[in-house]
PDB file of N, CA and C in Angstrom:
ATOM      1  N   MET A   1     -14.586   8.939 -23.510  1.00  0.00           N
ATOM      2  CA  MET A   1     -14.740  10.196 -23.278  1.00  0.00           C
ATOM      3  C   MET A   1     -15.688  11.218 -23.295  1.00  0.00           C
ATOM      4  N   SER A   2     -16.848  10.512 -23.278  1.00  0.00           N
ATOM      5  CA  SER A   2     -18.302  10.823 -23.727  1.00  0.00           C
ATOM      6  C   SER A   2     -18.497  11.939 -22.285  1.00  0.00           C
ATOM      7  N   ALA A   3     -17.618  11.910 -21.123  1.00  0.00           N
ATOM      8  CA  ALA A   3     -18.272  12.704 -20.045  1.00  0.00           C
ATOM      9  C   ALA A   3     -17.877  14.394 -21.053  1.00  0.00           C
ATOM     10  N   PHE A   4     -16.632  14.409 -21.721  1.00  0.00           N
ATOM     11  CA  PHE A   4     -16.550  15.792 -22.071  1.00  0.00           C
ATOM     12  C   PHE A   4     -16.869  16.479 -23.031  1.00  0.00           C
ATOM     13  N   LYS A   5     -18.131  15.472 -23.553  1.00  0.00           N
ATOM     14  CA  LYS A   5     -19.076  16.033 -24.998  1.00  0.00           C
ATOM     15  C   LYS A   5     -20.299  16.786 -23.783  1.00  0.00           C
ATOM     16  N   LYS A   6     -20.417  16.374 -22.657  1.00  0.00           N
ATOM     17  CA  LYS A   6     -21.309  16.562 -21.640  1.00  0.00           C
ATOM     18  C   LYS A   6     -20.839  18.104 -21.017  1.00  0.00           C
ATOM     19  N   PHE A   7     -19.517  18.471 -20.880  1.00  0.00           N
ATOM     20  CA  PHE A   7     -18.945  19.619 -20.440  1.00  0.00           C
ATOM     21  C   PHE A   7     -18.279  20.111 -21.074  1.00  0.00           C
ATOM     22  N   LEU A   8     -18.057  21.563 -21.359  1.00  0.00           N
ATOM     23  CA  LEU A   8     -17.134  22.532 -22.130  1.00  0.00           C
ATOM     24  C   LEU A   8     -16.757  23.533 -21.296  1.00  0.00           C
ATOM     25  N   PRO A   9     -15.430  23.251 -20.677  1.00  0.00           N
ATOM     26  CA  PRO A   9     -14.888  25.020 -19.312  1.00  0.00           C
ATOM     27  C   PRO A   9     -15.185  25.995 -20.888  1.00  0.00           C
ATOM     28  N   LEU A  10     -15.934  26.973 -20.399  1.00  0.00           N
ATOM     29  CA  LEU A  10     -15.707  28.261 -20.915  1.00  0.00           C
ATOM     30  C   LEU A  10     -14.518  29.059 -20.598  1.00  0.00           C
ATOM     31  N   PHE A  11     -13.871  30.102 -21.487  1.00  0.00           N
ATOM     32  CA  PHE A  11     -13.031  30.991 -21.529  1.00  0.00           C
ATOM     33  C   PHE A  11     -11.516  30.465 -21.450  1.00  0.00           C
ATOM     34  N   ASP A  12     -11.080  30.787 -20.018  1.00  0.00           N
ATOM     35  CA  ASP A  12      -9.853  30.528 -19.966  1.00  0.00           C
ATOM     36  C   ASP A  12      -9.689  29.247 -18.686  1.00  0.00           C
ATOM     37  N   ARG A  13     -10.491  28.703 -18.898  1.00  0.00           N
ATOM     38  CA  ARG A  13     -10.698  27.737 -17.904  1.00  0.00           C
ATOM     39  C   ARG A  13     -10.270  26.147 -18.630  1.00  0.00           C
ATOM     40  N   VAL A  14      -9.564  25.333 -17.966  1.00  0.00           N
ATOM     41  CA  VAL A  14      -9.195  24.161 -17.764  1.00  0.00           C
ATOM     42  C   VAL A  14      -9.929  23.189 -17.228  1.00  0.00           C
ATOM     43  N   LEU A  15      -9.962  21.335 -17.960  1.00  0.00           N
ATOM     44  CA  LEU A  15     -10.348  20.595 -16.931  1.00  0.00           C
ATOM     45  C   LEU A  15      -9.355  19.784 -17.068  1.00  0.00           C
ATOM     46  N   VAL A  16      -9.530  18.912 -15.457  1.00  0.00           N
ATOM     47  CA  VAL A  16      -8.048  18.644 -15.364  1.00  0.00           C
ATOM     48  C   VAL A  16      -8.148  16.997 -14.440  1.00  0.00           C
ATOM     49  N   GLU A  17      -7.842  15.876 -14.798  1.00  0.00           N
ATOM     50  CA  GLU A  17      -7.602  15.058 -13.755  1.00  0.00           C
ATOM     51  C   GLU A  17      -6.576  14.608 -13.271  1.00  0.00           C
ATOM     52  N   ARG A  18      -6.499  14.343 -12.110  1.00  0.00           N
ATOM     53  CA  ARG A  18      -5.197  14.309 -11.463  1.00  0.00           C
ATOM     54  C   ARG A  18      -4.974  12.881 -11.380  1.00  0.00           C
ATOM     55  N   LEU A  19      -3.253  12.655 -11.227  1.00  0.00           N
ATOM     56  CA  LEU A  19      -3.113  11.555 -11.391  1.00  0.00           C
ATOM     57  C   LEU A  19      -3.352  10.685 -10.033  1.00  0.00           C
ATOM     58  N   ALA A  20      -3.106   9.261  -9.971  1.00  0.00           N
ATOM     59  CA  ALA A  20      -3.412   8.253  -8.964  1.00  0.00           C
ATOM     60  C   ALA A  20      -2.063   8.686  -7.511  1.00  0.00           C
ATOM     61  N   ALA A  21      -2.561   8.437  -6.937  1.00  0.00           N
ATOM     62  CA  ALA A  21      -1.764   8.702  -5.578  1.00  0.00           C
ATOM     63  C   ALA A  21      -0.897   7.760  -5.346  1.00  0.00           C
ATOM     64  N   GLU A  22       0.566   7.718  -4.882  1.00  0.00           N
ATOM     65  CA  GLU A  22       1.094   6.013  -4.909  1.00  0.00           C
ATOM     66  C   GLU A  22       0.651   5.874  -3.576  1.00  0.00           C
ATOM     67  N   THR A  23       0.407   4.448  -3.744  1.00  0.00           N
ATOM     68  CA  THR A  23      -0.227   3.876  -2.441  1.00  0.00           C
ATOM     69  C   THR A  23       0.852   2.932  -1.961  1.00  0.00           C
ATOM     70  N   VAL A  24       1.953   2.635  -2.780  1.00  0.00           N
ATOM     71  CA  VAL A  24       2.887   1.507  -2.225  1.00  0.00           C
ATOM     72  C   VAL A  24       4.309   2.337  -2.362  1.00  0.00           C
ATOM     73  N   THR A  25       5.070   2.060  -1.492  1.00  0.00           N
ATOM     74  CA  THR A  25       6.411   2.752  -1.743  1.00  0.00           C
ATOM     75  C   THR A  25       7.329   1.891  -2.537  1.00  0.00           C
ATOM     76  N   LYS A  26       8.567   2.478  -2.917  1.00  0.00           N
ATOM     77  CA  LYS A  26       9.568   1.447  -4.053  1.00  0.00           C
ATOM     78  C   LYS A  26      10.180   0.270  -3.049  1.00  0.00           C
ATOM     79  N   GLY A  27      10.113   0.461  -1.997  1.00  0.00           N
ATOM     80  CA  GLY A  27      10.185  -0.800  -0.829  1.00  0.00           C
ATOM     81  C   GLY A  27       9.336  -1.894  -0.825  1.00  0.00           C
ATOM     82  N   GLY A  28       8.074  -1.616  -1.402  1.00  0.00           N
ATOM     83  CA  GLY A  28       7.273  -2.552  -1.250  1.00  0.00           C
ATOM     84  C   GLY A  28       6.229  -2.068   0.146  1.00  0.00           C
ATOM     85  N   ILE A  29       6.105  -0.958   0.794  1.00  0.00           N
ATOM     86  CA  ILE A  29       5.390  -0.765   1.724  1.00  0.00           C
ATOM     87  C   ILE A  29       4.329   0.536   1.742  1.00  0.00           C
ATOM     88  N   MET A  30       3.030  -0.497   2.234  1.00  0.00           N
ATOM     89  CA  MET A  30       1.818   0.112   1.747  1.00  0.00           C
ATOM     90  C   MET A  30       1.647   1.257   2.372  1.00  0.00           C
ATOM     91  N   LEU A  31       1.195   2.406   1.686  1.00  0.00           N
ATOM     92  CA  LEU A  31       0.881   3.520   2.447  1.00  0.00           C
ATOM     93  C   LEU A  31      -0.612   3.977   2.591  1.00  0.00           C
ATOM     94  N   PRO A  32      -0.717   3.947   4.127  1.00  0.00           N
ATOM     95  CA  PRO A  32      -2.138   4.822   4.594  1.00  0.00           C
ATOM     96  C   PRO A  32      -2.714   5.871   3.968  1.00  0.00           C
ATOM     97  N   ASP A  33      -3.805   5.750   3.966  1.00  0.00           N
ATOM     98  CA  ASP A  33      -4.399   7.248   3.137  1.00  0.00           C
ATOM     99  C   ASP A  33      -4.037   8.432   3.806  1.00  0.00           C
ATOM    100  N   LYS A  34      -4.308   8.473   5.254  1.00  0.00           N
ATOM    101  CA  LYS A  34      -3.432  10.071   5.695  1.00  0.00           C
ATOM    102  C   LYS A  34      -2.052  10.260   5.587  1.00  0.00           C
ATOM    103  N   SER A  35      -0.806   9.318   5.262  1.00  0.00           N
ATOM    104  CA  SER A  35       0.354   9.523   4.704  1.00  0.00           C
ATOM    105  C   SER A  35       0.480  10.019   3.823  1.00  0.00           C
ATOM    106  N   GLN A  36      -0.553   9.722   2.378  1.00  0.00           N
ATOM    107  CA  GLN A  36      -0.332   9.798   0.866  1.00  0.00           C
ATOM    108  C   GLN A  36      -0.305  11.495   1.026  1.00  0.00           C
ATOM    109  N   GLY A  37       0.853  11.778   0.373  1.00  0.00           N
ATOM    110  CA  GLY A  37       0.575  13.398  -0.310  1.00  0.00           C
ATOM    111  C   GLY A  37      -0.893  13.696  -1.134  1.00  0.00           C
ATOM    112  N   LYS A  38      -0.812  14.966  -0.557  1.00  0.00           N
ATOM    113  CA  LYS A  38      -1.620  15.446  -2.571  1.00  0.00           C
ATOM    114  C   LYS A  38      -1.321  15.598  -3.674  1.00  0.00           C
ATOM    115  N   VAL A  39      -1.817  15.036  -4.495  1.00  0.00           N
ATOM    116  CA  VAL A  39      -1.274  14.766  -5.876  1.00  0.00           C
ATOM    117  C   VAL A  39      -1.185  15.927  -6.548  1.00  0.00           C
ATOM    118  N   LEU A  40      -0.240  16.792  -7.073  1.00  0.00           N
ATOM    119  CA  LEU A  40      -0.282  17.971  -7.754  1.00  0.00           C
ATOM    120  C   LEU A  40      -0.368  17.753  -9.254  1.00  0.00           C
ATOM    121  N   GLN A  41      -0.290  16.532  -9.480  1.00  0.00           N
ATOM    122  CA  GLN A  41       0.654  16.351 -10.896  1.00  0.00           C
ATOM    123  C   GLN A  41      -1.330  15.866 -11.801  1.00  0.00           C
ATOM    124  N   ALA A  42      -0.934  16.330 -13.093  1.00  0.00           N
ATOM    125  CA  ALA A  42      -2.490  16.080 -13.974  1.00  0.00           C
ATOM    126  C   ALA A  42      -2.536  16.165 -15.190  1.00  0.00           C
ATOM    127  N   THR A  43      -3.647  15.625 -15.563  1.00  0.00           N
ATOM    128  CA  THR A  43      -3.652  15.216 -17.001  1.00  0.00           C
ATOM    129  C   THR A  43      -4.549  16.648 -17.966  1.00  0.00           C
ATOM    130  N   ILE A  44      -4.339  17.444 -18.544  1.00  0.00           N
ATOM    131  CA  ILE A  44      -5.653  18.117 -19.161  1.00  0.00           C
ATOM    132  C   ILE A  44      -6.083  17.397 -20.557  1.00  0.00           C
ATOM    133  N   VAL A  45      -7.946  17.518 -19.693  1.00  0.00           N
ATOM    134  CA  VAL A  45      -8.607  16.941 -20.141  1.00  0.00           C
ATOM    135  C   VAL A  45      -9.735  17.324 -21.311  1.00  0.00           C
ATOM    136  N   ALA A  46      -9.913  18.713 -21.247  1.00  0.00           N
ATOM    137  CA  ALA A  46     -10.731  19.433 -21.644  1.00  0.00           C
ATOM    138  C   ALA A  46     -10.193  21.314 -21.609  1.00  0.00           C
ATOM    139  N   THR A  47     -10.206  22.036 -22.517  1.00  0.00           N
ATOM    140  CA  THR A  47     -10.122  23.438 -22.323  1.00  0.00           C
ATOM    141  C   THR A  47     -10.830  24.269 -22.756  1.00  0.00           C
ATOM    142  N   GLY A  48     -11.002  25.631 -22.302  1.00  0.00           N
ATOM    143  CA  GLY A  48     -12.221  26.572 -22.945  1.00  0.00           C
ATOM    144  C   GLY A  48     -11.115  27.186 -24.046  1.00  0.00           C
ATOM    145  N   PRO A  49     -11.920  27.969 -24.712  1.00  0.00           N
ATOM    146  CA  PRO A  49     -11.385  28.653 -26.331  1.00  0.00           C
ATOM    147  C   PRO A  49     -10.466  29.809 -25.712  1.00  0.00           C
ATOM    148  N   GLY A  50     -10.490  30.146 -24.457  1.00  0.00           N
ATOM    149  CA  GLY A  50      -9.339  31.028 -23.927  1.00  0.00           C
ATOM    150  C   GLY A  50      -9.859  32.406 -23.768  1.00  0.00           C
ATOM    151  N   ALA A  51      -9.330  33.402 -22.602  1.00  0.00           N
ATOM    152  CA  ALA A  51      -9.815  34.734 -22.366  1.00  0.00           C
ATOM    153  C   ALA A  51      -9.480  35.561 -23.237  1.00  0.00           C
ATOM    154  N   LYS A  52     -10.454  37.007 -23.413  1.00  0.00           N
ATOM    155  CA  LYS A  52     -10.437  38.148 -23.722  1.00  0.00           C
ATOM    156  C   LYS A  52      -9.162  39.055 -23.465  1.00  0.00           C
ATOM    157  N   GLY A  53      -8.341  39.482 -24.516  1.00  0.00           N
ATOM    158  CA  GLY A  53      -7.384  40.552 -23.815  1.00  0.00           C
ATOM    159  C   GLY A  53      -7.973  41.783 -23.605  1.00  0.00           C
ATOM    160  N   LYS A  54      -6.949  42.725 -23.912  1.00  0.00           N
ATOM    161  CA  LYS A  54      -7.499  44.076 -23.642  1.00  0.00           C
ATOM    162  C   LYS A  54      -7.796  44.631 -25.035  1.00  0.00           C
ATOM    163  N   SER A  55      -7.043  43.910 -25.718  1.00  0.00           N
ATOM    164  CA  SER A  55      -7.393  44.437 -27.376  1.00  0.00           C
ATOM    165  C   SER A  55      -9.051  43.727 -28.013  1.00  0.00           C
ATOM    166  N   GLY A  56      -9.209  42.818 -26.927  1.00  0.00           N
ATOM    167  CA  GLY A  56     -10.719  42.372 -27.385  1.00  0.00           C
ATOM    168  C   GLY A  56     -10.280  41.320 -27.862  1.00  0.00           C
ATOM    169  N   GLN A  57      -9.134  40.579 -28.502  1.00  0.00           N
ATOM    170  CA  GLN A  57      -8.611  39.637 -29.367  1.00  0.00           C
ATOM    171  C   GLN A  57      -9.026  38.227 -27.662  1.00  0.00           C
ATOM    172  N   ILE A  58      -9.501  37.107 -28.196  1.00  0.00           N
ATOM    173  CA  ILE A  58      -9.010  36.160 -27.548  1.00  0.00           C
ATOM    174  C   ILE A  58      -7.697  35.592 -27.851  1.00  0.00           C
ATOM    175  N   GLU A  59      -7.434  35.270 -26.406  1.00  0.00           N
ATOM    176  CA  GLU A  59      -5.899  34.941 -26.190  1.00  0.00           C
ATOM    177  C   GLU A  59      -5.967  33.357 -25.834  1.00  0.00           C
ATOM    178  N   PRO A  60      -5.245  32.797 -26.669  1.00  0.00           N
ATOM    179  CA  PRO A  60      -5.132  31.064 -26.721  1.00  0.00           C
ATOM    180  C   PRO A  60      -4.506  30.764 -25.010  1.00  0.00           C
ATOM    181  N   LEU A  61      -4.879  29.587 -24.655  1.00  0.00           N
ATOM    182  CA  LEU A  61      -4.265  28.727 -23.737  1.00  0.00           C
ATOM    183  C   LEU A  61      -2.592  28.657 -23.752  1.00  0.00           C
ATOM    184  N   SER A  62      -2.077  28.289 -22.573  1.00  0.00           N
ATOM    185  CA  SER A  62      -0.353  27.780 -23.057  1.00  0.00           C
ATOM    186  C   SER A  62      -0.904  26.486 -22.617  1.00  0.00           C
ATOM    187  N   VAL A  63      -1.839  25.721 -22.472  1.00  0.00           N
ATOM    188  CA  VAL A  63      -1.947  24.100 -22.505  1.00  0.00           C
ATOM    189  C   VAL A  63      -2.621  24.025 -23.478  1.00  0.00           C
ATOM    190  N   ARG A  64      -2.827  22.261 -23.578  1.00  0.00           N
ATOM    191  CA  ARG A  64      -3.822  21.824 -24.432  1.00  0.00           C
ATOM    192  C   ARG A  64      -3.988  20.667 -23.828  1.00  0.00           C
ATOM    193  N   VAL A  65      -4.712  20.057 -24.333  1.00  0.00           N
ATOM    194  CA  VAL A  65      -5.511  18.907 -23.897  1.00  0.00           C
ATOM    195  C   VAL A  65      -4.278  17.438 -23.974  1.00  0.00           C
ATOM    196  N   GLY A  66      -4.132  16.667 -23.108  1.00  0.00           N
ATOM    197  CA  GLY A  66      -3.143  15.667 -22.948  1.00  0.00           C
ATOM    198  C   GLY A  66      -2.291  16.492 -22.291  1.00  0.00           C
ATOM    199  N   ASP A  67      -1.631  17.665 -22.120  1.00  0.00           N
ATOM    200  CA  ASP A  67      -0.455  18.159 -21.296  1.00  0.00           C
ATOM    201  C   ASP A  67      -0.239  17.773 -19.887  1.00  0.00           C
ATOM    202  N   LYS A  68       0.833  17.191 -19.403  1.00  0.00           N
ATOM    203  CA  LYS A  68       1.065  16.820 -18.226  1.00  0.00           C
ATOM    204  C   LYS A  68       1.274  18.306 -17.700  1.00  0.00           C
ATOM    205  N   VAL A  69       0.681  18.590 -16.470  1.00  0.00           N
ATOM    206  CA  VAL A  69       0.856  20.049 -15.491  1.00  0.00           C
ATOM    207  C   VAL A  69       0.786  19.795 -13.942  1.00  0.00           C
ATOM    208  N   LEU A  70       1.469  20.627 -13.517  1.00  0.00           N
ATOM    209  CA  LEU A  70       1.802  21.003 -12.287  1.00  0.00           C
ATOM    210  C   LEU A  70       0.502  22.307 -11.580  1.00  0.00           C
ATOM    211  N   LEU A  71      -0.014  21.347 -10.694  1.00  0.00           N
ATOM    212  CA  LEU A  71      -1.175  21.851 -10.045  1.00  0.00           C
ATOM    213  C   LEU A  71      -0.775  22.980  -8.632  1.00  0.00           C
ATOM    214  N   PRO A  72      -1.613  24.072  -8.472  1.00  0.00           N
ATOM    215  CA  PRO A  72      -1.160  24.178  -7.266  1.00  0.00           C
ATOM    216  C   PRO A  72      -1.909  23.610  -5.751  1.00  0.00           C
ATOM    217  N   GLU A  73      -1.150  23.519  -4.584  1.00  0.00           N
ATOM    218  CA  GLU A  73      -1.765  22.617  -3.544  1.00  0.00           C
ATOM    219  C   GLU A  73      -3.205  23.099  -3.225  1.00  0.00           C
ATOM    220  N   TYR A  74      -3.562  24.303  -3.338  1.00  0.00           N
ATOM    221  CA  TYR A  74      -4.704  24.715  -3.215  1.00  0.00           C
ATOM    222  C   TYR A  74      -6.033  25.094  -4.422  1.00  0.00           C
ATOM    223  N   GLY A  75      -6.824  24.886  -4.404  1.00  0.00           N
ATOM    224  CA  GLY A  75      -7.714  25.990  -5.718  1.00  0.00           C
ATOM    225  C   GLY A  75      -8.240  24.449  -6.578  1.00  0.00           C
ATOM    226  N   GLY A  76      -9.333  25.454  -7.435  1.00  0.00           N
ATOM    227  CA  GLY A  76      -9.805  24.515  -8.259  1.00  0.00           C
ATOM    228  C   GLY A  76     -11.189  23.793  -7.935  1.00  0.00           C
ATOM    229  N   THR A  77     -11.864  23.548  -8.770  1.00  0.00           N
ATOM    230  CA  THR A  77     -13.456  23.554  -8.365  1.00  0.00           C
ATOM    231  C   THR A  77     -13.260  21.954  -8.907  1.00  0.00           C
ATOM    232  N   LYS A  78     -13.928  20.854  -7.951  1.00  0.00           N
ATOM    233  CA  LYS A  78     -13.916  19.731  -7.847  1.00  0.00           C
ATOM    234  C   LYS A  78     -15.372  19.331  -8.831  1.00  0.00           C
ATOM    235  N   LEU A  79     -15.416  18.785 -10.158  1.00  0.00           N
ATOM    236  CA  LEU A  79     -16.498  18.250 -10.470  1.00  0.00           C
ATOM    237  C   LEU A  79     -16.480  16.562 -10.764  1.00  0.00           C
ATOM    238  N   THR A  80     -17.354  16.044 -10.705  1.00  0.00           N
ATOM    239  CA  THR A  80     -17.978  14.550 -10.887  1.00  0.00           C
ATOM    240  C   THR A  80     -18.573  14.301 -12.404  1.00  0.00           C
ATOM    241  N   LEU A  81     -18.092  13.803 -12.921  1.00  0.00           N
ATOM    242  CA  LEU A  81     -18.469  13.618 -14.710  1.00  0.00           C
ATOM    243  C   LEU A  81     -18.134  12.083 -14.738  1.00  0.00           C
ATOM    244  N   ASP A  82     -19.472  11.219 -15.077  1.00  0.00           N
ATOM    245  CA  ASP A  82     -19.606   9.749 -14.945  1.00  0.00           C
ATOM    246  C   ASP A  82     -18.842   8.941 -13.893  1.00  0.00           C
ATOM    247  N   ASP A  83     -18.994   9.368 -12.920  1.00  0.00           N
ATOM    248  CA  ASP A  83     -18.558   8.577 -11.561  1.00  0.00           C
ATOM    249  C   ASP A  83     -17.023   9.034 -11.414  1.00  0.00           C
ATOM    250  N   LYS A  84     -16.356   9.831 -12.133  1.00  0.00           N
ATOM    251  CA  LYS A  84     -14.442  10.074 -12.031  1.00  0.00           C
ATOM    252  C   LYS A  84     -14.540  11.836 -11.596  1.00  0.00           C
ATOM    253  N   GLU A  85     -13.275  12.080 -10.965  1.00  0.00           N
ATOM    254  CA  GLU A  85     -13.218  13.343 -10.481  1.00  0.00           C
ATOM    255  C   GLU A  85     -12.795  13.998 -11.220  1.00  0.00           C
ATOM    256  N   TYR A  86     -12.715  15.235 -11.662  1.00  0.00           N
ATOM    257  CA  TYR A  86     -12.186  16.015 -12.213  1.00  0.00           C
ATOM    258  C   TYR A  86     -12.201  17.502 -11.344  1.00  0.00           C
ATOM    259  N   TYR A  87     -11.328  18.380 -11.789  1.00  0.00           N
ATOM    260  CA  TYR A  87     -10.791  19.374 -11.296  1.00  0.00           C
ATOM    261  C   TYR A  87     -10.810  20.594 -12.299  1.00  0.00           C
ATOM    262  N   LEU A  88     -11.619  21.650 -12.450  1.00  0.00           N
ATOM    263  CA  LEU A  88     -11.521  22.854 -13.380  1.00  0.00           C
ATOM    264  C   LEU A  88     -10.459  23.878 -12.724  1.00  0.00           C
ATOM    265  N   PHE A  89      -9.797  24.566 -13.568  1.00  0.00           N
ATOM    266  CA  PHE A  89      -8.745  25.457 -13.049  1.00  0.00           C
ATOM    267  C   PHE A  89      -8.637  26.827 -13.922  1.00  0.00           C
ATOM    268  N   ARG A  90      -8.723  27.594 -13.663  1.00  0.00           N
ATOM    269  CA  ARG A  90      -7.898  28.706 -14.351  1.00  0.00           C
ATOM    270  C   ARG A  90      -6.564  28.122 -15.366  1.00  0.00           C
ATOM    271  N   ASP A  91      -6.498  28.792 -16.516  1.00  0.00           N
ATOM    272  CA  ASP A  91      -5.224  28.483 -17.014  1.00  0.00           C
ATOM    273  C   ASP A  91      -4.075  29.308 -16.131  1.00  0.00           C
ATOM    274  N   GLY A  92      -3.982  30.880 -15.944  1.00  0.00           N
ATOM    275  CA  GLY A  92      -3.217  31.320 -14.875  1.00  0.00           C
ATOM    276  C   GLY A  92      -3.041  30.546 -13.896  1.00  0.00           C
ATOM    277  N   ASP A  93      -3.660  29.727 -13.378  1.00  0.00           N
ATOM    278  CA  ASP A  93      -3.549  29.184 -11.793  1.00  0.00           C
ATOM    279  C   ASP A  93      -2.534  27.965 -11.733  1.00  0.00           C
ATOM    280  N   ILE A  94      -2.070  27.105 -13.308  1.00  0.00           N
ATOM    281  CA  ILE A  94      -1.329  26.134 -13.509  1.00  0.00           C
ATOM    282  C   ILE A  94      -0.041  27.020 -13.102  1.00  0.00           C
ATOM    283  N   LEU A  95       0.600  26.011 -12.371  1.00  0.00           N
ATOM    284  CA  LEU A  95       2.107  26.542 -12.079  1.00  0.00           C
ATOM    285  C   LEU A  95       3.556  25.955 -13.364  1.00  0.00           C
ATOM    286  N   GLY A  96       3.163  24.749 -13.907  1.00  0.00           N
ATOM    287  CA  GLY A  96       3.301  24.792 -15.037  1.00  0.00           C
ATOM    288  C   GLY A  96       3.509  23.309 -15.857  1.00  0.00           C
ATOM    289  N   LYS A  97       4.130  23.009 -17.017  1.00  0.00           N
ATOM    290  CA  LYS A  97       3.840  21.819 -17.526  1.00  0.00           C
ATOM    291  C   LYS A  97       5.110  20.980 -18.108  1.00  0.00           C
ATOM    292  N   TYR A  98       4.807  19.594 -17.581  1.00  0.00           N
ATOM    293  CA  TYR A  98       6.120  18.756 -18.237  1.00  0.00           C
ATOM    294  C   TYR A  98       6.398  18.783 -19.337  1.00  0.00           C
ATOM    295  N   THR A  99       7.569  18.560 -19.765  1.00  0.00           N
ATOM    296  CA  THR A  99       7.973  18.465 -21.255  1.00  0.00           C
ATOM    297  C   THR A  99       8.624  16.960 -21.303  1.00  0.00           C
ATOM    298  N   GLU A 100       8.429  16.244 -22.340  1.00  0.00           N
ATOM    299  CA  GLU A 100       8.889  14.640 -22.957  1.00  0.00           C
ATOM    300  C   GLU A 100      10.204  15.018 -23.247  1.00  0.00           C
TER     301      GLU A 100
END
């Protein structure tokens, strides 16, 4: 996790790592890259402190590090840290989070 010591999101932004795409079906058929859907599930790996509300107070984010979330199909800013791909989203862009 040394990459996250080098990069800290600001305001209401969160850094996520997308889950790996399925490369084999349940029946054992290998899927080519073109037929693999875009992975919309991710894990939060770093968060900013939150954005200032109308009253001037910092409003906390709705997600925490380690949460599994659902991302929109488009959007986010791609970052490469220590040869791994991550994406930066605003807290409000995240569609939902999974509960255990």
